[in-house]
């Protein structure tokens, strides 16, 4: 693990200490269905042995439990591990908790499904993690990942990369203050997107404006805090799973700004 990856894990550990709760649409199965789109149905999770790689505060773990997974392995390397366990306590009889990084997963041929939501794009070299997931799946098992997309984010990225050079070095209290200030123009932009077809209007209408206020602030923090983020082109995202050994890879361009992918272990 290199220095950037270690710092990214620390960044998220600090972030989840502040934003511990998962509420409303952000924590709902409706949100989960929106992410996986046409690639996998909720009914395909019921009764399955699954893993969530990069569990954070347990949001996706709870969704998988609500969807009827038989057993869930929650993989989280950061200091938010205790928050993860607390937030998923009502399902702890069907959860195994691993305080490790994804590339350390070593349950060969164990899982029917592996999910990784919003994690792979924060790993500088994601192939070791994805290959560990590949080994850990049964034959015919599937991986589902959600990552940032380059296509559809060009306007956003034109200023985001410059801003992040500053925010990634800001102390937690200062970044929190900035995000509370940025929340106002973010909501204003979202409201304008209801009237005009602005860049990323679909994201604001179908996602951001459906979140509660604290989650909207947390979303801004989530963008400006991590030490490493990559926005994937379509072909890069496809190659990511194919290079890890997965076949029959399918993709879903969610709201024109991100990619959800599913691949099969042959």
C-alpha atoms as a PDB file:
ATOM      1  CA  UNK A   1       0.000   0.000   0.000  1.00  0.00           C
ATOM      2  CA  UNK A   2       1.521   3.315  -1.072  1.00  0.00           C
ATOM      3  CA  UNK A   3       1.412   6.646   0.745  1.00  0.00           C
ATOM      4  CA  UNK A   4      -1.555   8.030  -1.226  1.00  0.00           C
ATOM      5  CA  UNK A   5      -3.664   4.942  -0.562  1.00  0.00           C
ATOM      6  CA  UNK A   6      -2.836   5.058   3.144  1.00  0.00           C
ATOM      7  CA  UNK A   7      -3.804   8.731   3.313  1.00  0.00           C
ATOM      8  CA  UNK A   8      -7.035   8.105   1.398  1.00  0.00           C
ATOM      9  CA  UNK A   9      -8.011   5.450   3.954  1.00  0.00           C
ATOM     10  CA  UNK A  10      -7.225   7.904   6.783  1.00  0.00           C
ATOM     11  CA  UNK A  11      -9.253  10.599   5.014  1.00  0.00           C
ATOM     12  CA  UNK A  12     -12.294   8.357   4.889  1.00  0.00           C
ATOM     13  CA  UNK A  13     -11.820   7.224   8.471  1.00  0.00           C
ATOM     14  CA  UNK A  14     -12.011  10.877   9.525  1.00  0.00           C
ATOM     15  CA  UNK A  15     -14.923  11.560   7.191  1.00  0.00           C
ATOM     16  CA  UNK A  16     -17.035   8.724   8.569  1.00  0.00           C
ATOM     17  CA  UNK A  17     -16.373   9.878  12.116  1.00  0.00           C
ATOM     18  CA  UNK A  18     -18.211  13.079  11.218  1.00  0.00           C
ATOM     19  CA  UNK A  19     -20.896  11.628   8.940  1.00  0.00           C
ATOM     20  CA  UNK A  20     -21.908   8.482  10.785  1.00  0.00           C
ATOM     21  CA  UNK A  21     -25.608   8.272   9.985  1.00  0.00           C
ATOM     22  CA  UNK A  22     -27.243   6.960   6.823  1.00  0.00           C
ATOM     23  CA  UNK A  23     -30.780   8.272   6.469  1.00  0.00           C
ATOM     24  CA  UNK A  24     -33.624   8.782   4.011  1.00  0.00           C
ATOM     25  CA  UNK A  25     -33.212   8.119   0.302  1.00  0.00           C
ATOM     26  CA  UNK A  26     -29.418   7.798   0.746  1.00  0.00           C
ATOM     27  CA  UNK A  27     -29.938   4.638   2.826  1.00  0.00           C
ATOM     28  CA  UNK A  28     -32.867   3.167   0.904  1.00  0.00           C
ATOM     29  CA  UNK A  29     -33.325   0.203  -1.404  1.00  0.00           C
ATOM     30  CA  UNK A  30     -34.676   2.711  -3.932  1.00  0.00           C
ATOM     31  CA  UNK A  31     -31.210   4.264  -4.004  1.00  0.00           C
ATOM     32  CA  UNK A  32     -29.654   0.813  -4.384  1.00  0.00           C
ATOM     33  CA  UNK A  33     -31.957  -0.027  -7.298  1.00  0.00           C
ATOM     34  CA  UNK A  34     -31.056   3.267  -8.942  1.00  0.00           C
ATOM     35  CA  UNK A  35     -27.348   2.446  -8.702  1.00  0.00           C
ATOM     36  CA  UNK A  36     -27.465  -1.106 -10.050  1.00  0.00           C
ATOM     37  CA  UNK A  37     -30.021  -0.082 -12.674  1.00  0.00           C
ATOM     38  CA  UNK A  38     -30.774  -2.705 -15.299  1.00  0.00           C
ATOM     39  CA  UNK A  39     -27.781  -4.888 -14.401  1.00  0.00           C
ATOM     40  CA  UNK A  40     -29.037  -6.889 -11.424  1.00  0.00           C
ATOM     41  CA  UNK A  41     -32.377  -7.188  -9.669  1.00  0.00           C
ATOM     42  CA  UNK A  42     -32.927  -7.057  -5.915  1.00  0.00           C
ATOM     43  CA  UNK A  43     -34.426 -10.548  -6.070  1.00  0.00           C
ATOM     44  CA  UNK A  44     -31.068 -11.879  -7.294  1.00  0.00           C
ATOM     45  CA  UNK A  45     -29.510 -10.981  -3.915  1.00  0.00           C
ATOM     46  CA  UNK A  46     -31.966 -12.925  -1.785  1.00  0.00           C
ATOM     47  CA  UNK A  47     -30.415 -16.039  -0.265  1.00  0.00           C
ATOM     48  CA  UNK A  48     -26.939 -15.285  -1.644  1.00  0.00           C
ATOM     49  CA  UNK A  49     -23.516 -15.219   0.026  1.00  0.00           C
ATOM     50  CA  UNK A  50     -22.249 -11.711  -0.665  1.00  0.00           C
ATOM     51  CA  UNK A  51     -19.465  -9.271   0.185  1.00  0.00           C
ATOM     52  CA  UNK A  52     -19.317  -5.493   0.308  1.00  0.00           C
ATOM     53  CA  UNK A  53     -15.796  -4.208  -0.314  1.00  0.00           C
ATOM     54  CA  UNK A  54     -15.279  -0.770   1.216  1.00  0.00           C
ATOM     55  CA  UNK A  55     -18.222  -0.771   3.611  1.00  0.00           C
ATOM     56  CA  UNK A  56     -17.645   2.630   5.230  1.00  0.00           C
ATOM     57  CA  UNK A  57     -20.414   3.214   7.766  1.00  0.00           C
ATOM     58  CA  UNK A  58     -22.443   0.206   6.624  1.00  0.00           C
ATOM     59  CA  UNK A  59     -24.936   1.784   4.240  1.00  0.00           C
ATOM     60  CA  UNK A  60     -24.618  -0.819   1.474  1.00  0.00           C
ATOM     61  CA  UNK A  61     -24.308  -3.652   4.006  1.00  0.00           C
ATOM     62  CA  UNK A  62     -27.716  -2.731   5.414  1.00  0.00           C
ATOM     63  CA  UNK A  63     -29.172  -2.539   1.920  1.00  0.00           C
ATOM     64  CA  UNK A  64     -27.878  -6.022   1.104  1.00  0.00           C
ATOM     65  CA  UNK A  65     -29.338  -7.351   4.356  1.00  0.00           C
ATOM     66  CA  UNK A  66     -32.691  -5.722   3.593  1.00  0.00           C
ATOM     67  CA  UNK A  67     -32.579  -7.285   0.127  1.00  0.00           C
ATOM     68  CA  UNK A  68     -32.414 -10.716   1.781  1.00  0.00           C
ATOM     69  CA  UNK A  69     -28.761 -11.747   1.451  1.00  0.00           C
ATOM     70  CA  UNK A  70     -28.105 -14.922   3.431  1.00  0.00           C
ATOM     71  CA  UNK A  71     -24.698 -13.759   4.671  1.00  0.00           C
ATOM     72  CA  UNK A  72     -22.634 -10.610   4.124  1.00  0.00           C
ATOM     73  CA  UNK A  73     -18.915 -10.074   4.542  1.00  0.00           C
ATOM     74  CA  UNK A  74     -18.220  -6.391   5.223  1.00  0.00           C
ATOM     75  CA  UNK A  75     -14.687  -5.306   4.276  1.00  0.00           C
ATOM     76  CA  UNK A  76     -13.500  -1.938   5.619  1.00  0.00           C
ATOM     77  CA  UNK A  77      -9.881  -0.887   6.281  1.00  0.00           C
ATOM     78  CA  UNK A  78     -10.424   2.507   7.956  1.00  0.00           C
ATOM     79  CA  UNK A  79     -10.953   3.664  11.527  1.00  0.00           C
ATOM     80  CA  UNK A  80     -14.692   3.800  10.814  1.00  0.00           C
ATOM     81  CA  UNK A  81     -14.762   0.036  11.436  1.00  0.00           C
ATOM     82  CA  UNK A  82     -16.422   0.459  14.832  1.00  0.00           C
ATOM     83  CA  UNK A  83     -19.087   2.736  13.283  1.00  0.00           C
ATOM     84  CA  UNK A  84     -19.716   0.126  10.592  1.00  0.00           C
ATOM     85  CA  UNK A  85     -20.363  -2.512  13.262  1.00  0.00           C
ATOM     86  CA  UNK A  86     -22.606  -0.222  15.269  1.00  0.00           C
ATOM     87  CA  UNK A  87     -24.682   0.861  12.261  1.00  0.00           C
ATOM     88  CA  UNK A  88     -25.252  -2.711  11.091  1.00  0.00           C
ATOM     89  CA  UNK A  89     -25.772  -4.274  14.535  1.00  0.00           C
ATOM     90  CA  UNK A  90     -29.373  -5.280  13.848  1.00  0.00           C
ATOM     91  CA  UNK A  91     -28.100  -7.682  11.178  1.00  0.00           C
ATOM     92  CA  UNK A  92     -24.880  -8.795  12.891  1.00  0.00           C
ATOM     93  CA  UNK A  93     -26.016 -12.417  13.037  1.00  0.00           C
ATOM     94  CA  UNK A  94     -25.569 -12.580   9.272  1.00  0.00           C
ATOM     95  CA  UNK A  95     -22.467 -10.355   8.921  1.00  0.00           C
ATOM     96  CA  UNK A  96     -18.756 -11.170   9.051  1.00  0.00           C
ATOM     97  CA  UNK A  97     -16.638  -8.048   9.620  1.00  0.00           C
ATOM     98  CA  UNK A  98     -13.117  -7.798   8.180  1.00  0.00           C
ATOM     99  CA  UNK A  99     -10.947  -4.790   9.056  1.00  0.00           C
ATOM    100  CA  UNK A 100      -8.749  -5.190   5.963  1.00  0.00           C
ATOM    101  CA  UNK A 101      -8.211  -3.623   2.546  1.00  0.00           C
ATOM    102  CA  UNK A 102      -9.889  -5.168  -0.482  1.00  0.00           C
ATOM    103  CA  UNK A 103      -6.682  -6.622  -1.905  1.00  0.00           C
ATOM    104  CA  UNK A 104      -6.311  -8.672   1.296  1.00  0.00           C
ATOM    105  CA  UNK A 105      -9.594 -10.531   0.769  1.00  0.00           C
ATOM    106  CA  UNK A 106      -8.703 -14.227   0.598  1.00  0.00           C
ATOM    107  CA  UNK A 107     -11.872 -16.325   0.791  1.00  0.00           C
ATOM    108  CA  UNK A 108     -11.291 -18.213  -2.456  1.00  0.00           C
ATOM    109  CA  UNK A 109     -14.452 -19.386  -4.222  1.00  0.00           C
ATOM    110  CA  UNK A 110     -16.690 -18.265  -1.365  1.00  0.00           C
ATOM    111  CA  UNK A 111     -19.089 -15.608  -2.680  1.00  0.00           C
ATOM    112  CA  UNK A 112     -22.002 -15.542  -5.089  1.00  0.00           C
ATOM    113  CA  UNK A 113     -21.867 -11.751  -5.398  1.00  0.00           C
ATOM    114  CA  UNK A 114     -19.388  -9.019  -4.507  1.00  0.00           C
ATOM    115  CA  UNK A 115     -20.356  -5.342  -4.438  1.00  0.00           C
ATOM    116  CA  UNK A 116     -18.049  -2.336  -4.266  1.00  0.00           C
ATOM    117  CA  UNK A 117     -19.811   1.012  -4.301  1.00  0.00           C
ATOM    118  CA  UNK A 118     -17.805   4.230  -4.664  1.00  0.00           C
ATOM    119  CA  UNK A 119     -14.501   2.607  -3.704  1.00  0.00           C
ATOM    120  CA  UNK A 120     -12.529   1.481  -6.758  1.00  0.00           C
ATOM    121  CA  UNK A 121     -12.134   5.046  -8.066  1.00  0.00           C
ATOM    122  CA  UNK A 122     -10.286   5.955  -4.837  1.00  0.00           C
ATOM    123  CA  UNK A 123      -7.656   3.216  -5.274  1.00  0.00           C
ATOM    124  CA  UNK A 124      -4.631   4.266  -7.325  1.00  0.00           C
ATOM    125  CA  UNK A 125      -3.964   0.693  -8.477  1.00  0.00           C
ATOM    126  CA  UNK A 126      -7.287  -1.163  -8.206  1.00  0.00           C
ATOM    127  CA  UNK A 127      -6.242  -4.356 -10.006  1.00  0.00           C
ATOM    128  CA  UNK A 128      -4.958  -6.197  -6.873  1.00  0.00           C
ATOM    129  CA  UNK A 129      -8.288  -5.489  -5.168  1.00  0.00           C
ATOM    130  CA  UNK A 130     -10.352  -6.595  -8.170  1.00  0.00           C
ATOM    131  CA  UNK A 131      -8.265  -9.728  -8.657  1.00  0.00           C
ATOM    132  CA  UNK A 132      -8.724 -10.622  -4.988  1.00  0.00           C
ATOM    133  CA  UNK A 133     -12.478 -10.226  -5.557  1.00  0.00           C
ATOM    134  CA  UNK A 134     -12.220 -12.458  -8.625  1.00  0.00           C
ATOM    135  CA  UNK A 135     -10.510 -15.204  -6.625  1.00  0.00           C
ATOM    136  CA  UNK A 136     -13.064 -14.889  -3.839  1.00  0.00           C
ATOM    137  CA  UNK A 137     -16.056 -15.481  -6.114  1.00  0.00           C
ATOM    138  CA  UNK A 138     -17.500 -18.864  -6.976  1.00  0.00           C
ATOM    139  CA  UNK A 139     -17.497 -19.855 -10.633  1.00  0.00           C
ATOM    140  CA  UNK A 140     -20.396 -18.022 -12.188  1.00  0.00           C
ATOM    141  CA  UNK A 141     -20.248 -15.470  -9.380  1.00  0.00           C
ATOM    142  CA  UNK A 142     -20.567 -11.791 -10.215  1.00  0.00           C
ATOM    143  CA  UNK A 143     -18.997  -8.523  -9.174  1.00  0.00           C
ATOM    144  CA  UNK A 144     -20.893  -5.214  -9.232  1.00  0.00           C
ATOM    145  CA  UNK A 145     -18.955  -1.958  -8.949  1.00  0.00           C
ATOM    146  CA  UNK A 146     -19.966   1.703  -9.108  1.00  0.00           C
ATOM    147  CA  UNK A 147     -17.333   4.269 -10.110  1.00  0.00           C
ATOM    148  CA  UNK A 148     -17.069   7.897 -11.182  1.00  0.00           C
ATOM    149  CA  UNK A 149     -17.337   8.483 -14.926  1.00  0.00           C
ATOM    150  CA  UNK A 150     -15.402  10.986 -16.999  1.00  0.00           C
ATOM    151  CA  UNK A 151     -18.103  11.328 -19.623  1.00  0.00           C
ATOM    152  CA  UNK A 152     -20.753  13.719 -18.369  1.00  0.00           C
ATOM    153  CA  UNK A 153     -18.474  15.313 -15.757  1.00  0.00           C
ATOM    154  CA  UNK A 154     -16.369  17.507 -18.027  1.00  0.00           C
ATOM    155  CA  UNK A 155     -17.868  20.787 -16.789  1.00  0.00           C
ATOM    156  CA  UNK A 156     -17.541  19.722 -13.157  1.00  0.00           C
ATOM    157  CA  UNK A 157     -13.964  18.522 -13.577  1.00  0.00           C
ATOM    158  CA  UNK A 158     -12.919  21.784 -15.241  1.00  0.00           C
ATOM    159  CA  UNK A 159     -12.850  23.403 -11.791  1.00  0.00           C
ATOM    160  CA  UNK A 160     -12.940  20.419  -9.407  1.00  0.00           C
ATOM    161  CA  UNK A 161      -9.300  19.398  -9.921  1.00  0.00           C
ATOM    162  CA  UNK A 162      -8.050  22.899  -9.113  1.00  0.00           C
ATOM    163  CA  UNK A 163     -10.206  23.208  -5.992  1.00  0.00           C
ATOM    164  CA  UNK A 164      -9.100  19.789  -4.709  1.00  0.00           C
ATOM    165  CA  UNK A 165      -5.471  20.830  -4.684  1.00  0.00           C
ATOM    166  CA  UNK A 166      -6.477  23.114  -1.832  1.00  0.00           C
ATOM    167  CA  UNK A 167      -9.202  21.132  -0.062  1.00  0.00           C
ATOM    168  CA  UNK A 168      -7.204  17.900   0.207  1.00  0.00           C
ATOM    169  CA  UNK A 169      -4.744  19.641   2.506  1.00  0.00           C
ATOM    170  CA  UNK A 170      -7.336  21.503   4.589  1.00  0.00           C
ATOM    171  CA  UNK A 171      -7.923  20.506   8.225  1.00  0.00           C
ATOM    172  CA  UNK A 172     -11.203  18.765   8.909  1.00  0.00           C
ATOM    173  CA  UNK A 173     -12.886  21.738  10.624  1.00  0.00           C
ATOM    174  CA  UNK A 174     -12.043  24.084   7.753  1.00  0.00           C
ATOM    175  CA  UNK A 175     -13.289  21.688   5.082  1.00  0.00           C
ATOM    176  CA  UNK A 176     -16.512  21.168   7.035  1.00  0.00           C
ATOM    177  CA  UNK A 177     -17.049  24.934   7.122  1.00  0.00           C
ATOM    178  CA  UNK A 178     -16.382  25.229   3.397  1.00  0.00           C
ATOM    179  CA  UNK A 179     -18.852  22.445   2.584  1.00  0.00           C
ATOM    180  CA  UNK A 180     -21.566  24.110   4.656  1.00  0.00           C
ATOM    181  CA  UNK A 181     -20.983  27.284   2.608  1.00  0.00           C
ATOM    182  CA  UNK A 182     -20.907  25.433  -0.738  1.00  0.00           C
ATOM    183  CA  UNK A 183     -24.169  23.717   0.135  1.00  0.00           C
ATOM    184  CA  UNK A 184     -26.062  26.955  -0.627  1.00  0.00           C
ATOM    185  CA  UNK A 185     -24.889  27.391  -4.259  1.00  0.00           C
ATOM    186  CA  UNK A 186     -25.165  23.607  -4.791  1.00  0.00           C
ATOM    187  CA  UNK A 187     -28.847  23.696  -3.858  1.00  0.00           C
ATOM    188  CA  UNK A 188     -29.314  26.817  -5.965  1.00  0.00           C
ATOM    189  CA  UNK A 189     -27.770  25.074  -8.973  1.00  0.00           C
ATOM    190  CA  UNK A 190     -30.026  22.080  -8.360  1.00  0.00           C
ATOM    191  CA  UNK A 191     -33.109  24.310  -8.326  1.00  0.00           C
ATOM    192  CA  UNK A 192     -32.022  25.947 -11.587  1.00  0.00           C
ATOM    193  CA  UNK A 193     -31.582  22.470 -13.063  1.00  0.00           C
ATOM    194  CA  UNK A 194     -35.311  21.978 -12.552  1.00  0.00           C
ATOM    195  CA  UNK A 195     -35.903  24.878 -14.937  1.00  0.00           C
ATOM    196  CA  UNK A 196     -32.994  24.586 -17.376  1.00  0.00           C
ATOM    197  CA  UNK A 197     -31.003  21.691 -18.853  1.00  0.00           C
ATOM    198  CA  UNK A 198     -27.731  22.615 -17.139  1.00  0.00           C
ATOM    199  CA  UNK A 199     -24.623  20.388 -17.050  1.00  0.00           C
ATOM    200  CA  UNK A 200     -25.211  17.445 -14.661  1.00  0.00           C
ATOM    201  CA  UNK A 201     -28.913  18.359 -14.405  1.00  0.00           C
ATOM    202  CA  UNK A 202     -29.884  14.683 -14.317  1.00  0.00           C
ATOM    203  CA  UNK A 203     -27.592  14.054 -11.340  1.00  0.00           C
ATOM    204  CA  UNK A 204     -29.119  16.929  -9.377  1.00  0.00           C
ATOM    205  CA  UNK A 205     -32.728  16.059 -10.211  1.00  0.00           C
ATOM    206  CA  UNK A 206     -32.534  12.293  -9.740  1.00  0.00           C
ATOM    207  CA  UNK A 207     -30.000  12.124  -6.920  1.00  0.00           C
ATOM    208  CA  UNK A 208     -28.682  15.192  -5.094  1.00  0.00           C
ATOM    209  CA  UNK A 209     -32.005  16.941  -4.493  1.00  0.00           C
ATOM    210  CA  UNK A 210     -33.484  13.709  -3.107  1.00  0.00           C
ATOM    211  CA  UNK A 211     -30.970  13.644  -0.244  1.00  0.00           C
ATOM    212  CA  UNK A 212     -31.568  15.208   3.164  1.00  0.00           C
ATOM    213  CA  UNK A 213     -29.583  18.321   4.053  1.00  0.00           C
ATOM    214  CA  UNK A 214     -26.849  16.638   6.102  1.00  0.00           C
ATOM    215  CA  UNK A 215     -26.268  14.064   3.374  1.00  0.00           C
ATOM    216  CA  UNK A 216     -26.045  16.850   0.810  1.00  0.00           C
ATOM    217  CA  UNK A 217     -23.280  18.471   2.878  1.00  0.00           C
ATOM    218  CA  UNK A 218     -21.638  15.058   3.308  1.00  0.00           C
ATOM    219  CA  UNK A 219     -21.713  14.565  -0.468  1.00  0.00           C
ATOM    220  CA  UNK A 220     -19.762  17.790  -0.966  1.00  0.00           C
ATOM    221  CA  UNK A 221     -17.270  16.707   1.691  1.00  0.00           C
ATOM    222  CA  UNK A 222     -16.971  13.312   0.016  1.00  0.00           C
ATOM    223  CA  UNK A 223     -15.929  14.995  -3.217  1.00  0.00           C
ATOM    224  CA  UNK A 224     -13.387  17.395  -1.727  1.00  0.00           C
ATOM    225  CA  UNK A 225     -11.792  15.244   0.995  1.00  0.00           C
ATOM    226  CA  UNK A 226     -10.187  12.069  -0.471  1.00  0.00           C
ATOM    227  CA  UNK A 227      -6.519  12.241  -1.434  1.00  0.00           C
ATOM    228  CA  UNK A 228      -7.121  10.258  -4.622  1.00  0.00           C
ATOM    229  CA  UNK A 229     -10.057  10.065  -7.035  1.00  0.00           C
ATOM    230  CA  UNK A 230     -10.160   8.895 -10.650  1.00  0.00           C
ATOM    231  CA  UNK A 231     -12.907   9.576 -13.183  1.00  0.00           C
ATOM    232  CA  UNK A 232     -13.076   6.675 -15.626  1.00  0.00           C
ATOM    233  CA  UNK A 233     -13.717   6.810 -19.351  1.00  0.00           C
ATOM    234  CA  UNK A 234     -16.081   4.141 -20.617  1.00  0.00           C
ATOM    235  CA  UNK A 235     -13.327   2.019 -22.188  1.00  0.00           C
ATOM    236  CA  UNK A 236     -11.135   2.342 -19.072  1.00  0.00           C
ATOM    237  CA  UNK A 237     -13.954   1.117 -16.856  1.00  0.00           C
ATOM    238  CA  UNK A 238     -14.601  -1.835 -19.151  1.00  0.00           C
ATOM    239  CA  UNK A 239     -10.916  -2.774 -19.295  1.00  0.00           C
ATOM    240  CA  UNK A 240     -10.693  -2.602 -15.507  1.00  0.00           C
ATOM    241  CA  UNK A 241     -12.922  -5.648 -15.067  1.00  0.00           C
ATOM    242  CA  UNK A 242     -11.681  -7.457 -18.149  1.00  0.00           C
ATOM    243  CA  UNK A 243      -8.044  -7.146 -16.999  1.00  0.00           C
ATOM    244  CA  UNK A 244      -9.097  -8.639 -13.658  1.00  0.00           C
ATOM    245  CA  UNK A 245     -10.406 -11.769 -15.410  1.00  0.00           C
ATOM    246  CA  UNK A 246     -14.131 -11.000 -15.590  1.00  0.00           C
ATOM    247  CA  UNK A 247     -16.185 -11.885 -18.667  1.00  0.00           C
ATOM    248  CA  UNK A 248     -19.515 -10.789 -20.105  1.00  0.00           C
ATOM    249  CA  UNK A 249     -19.009  -7.297 -18.644  1.00  0.00           C
ATOM    250  CA  UNK A 250     -22.027  -5.023 -18.900  1.00  0.00           C
ATOM    251  CA  UNK A 251     -22.232  -1.304 -18.085  1.00  0.00           C
ATOM    252  CA  UNK A 252     -24.842   1.246 -17.075  1.00  0.00           C
ATOM    253  CA  UNK A 253     -24.192   5.012 -17.437  1.00  0.00           C
ATOM    254  CA  UNK A 254     -26.033   6.176 -14.328  1.00  0.00           C
ATOM    255  CA  UNK A 255     -27.584   9.627 -14.744  1.00  0.00           C
ATOM    256  CA  UNK A 256     -24.937  10.469 -17.324  1.00  0.00           C
ATOM    257  CA  UNK A 257     -22.134  10.923 -14.775  1.00  0.00           C
ATOM    258  CA  UNK A 258     -21.029   7.543 -13.385  1.00  0.00           C
ATOM    259  CA  UNK A 259     -20.600   3.897 -14.349  1.00  0.00           C
ATOM    260  CA  UNK A 260     -22.117   0.803 -12.806  1.00  0.00           C
ATOM    261  CA  UNK A 261     -20.536  -2.403 -14.105  1.00  0.00           C
ATOM    262  CA  UNK A 262     -21.201  -6.094 -13.634  1.00  0.00           C
ATOM    263  CA  UNK A 263     -18.838  -8.915 -14.588  1.00  0.00           C
ATOM    264  CA  UNK A 264     -18.917 -12.697 -14.306  1.00  0.00           C
ATOM    265  CA  UNK A 265     -16.234 -15.103 -13.110  1.00  0.00           C
ATOM    266  CA  UNK A 266     -16.245 -17.874 -15.741  1.00  0.00           C
END
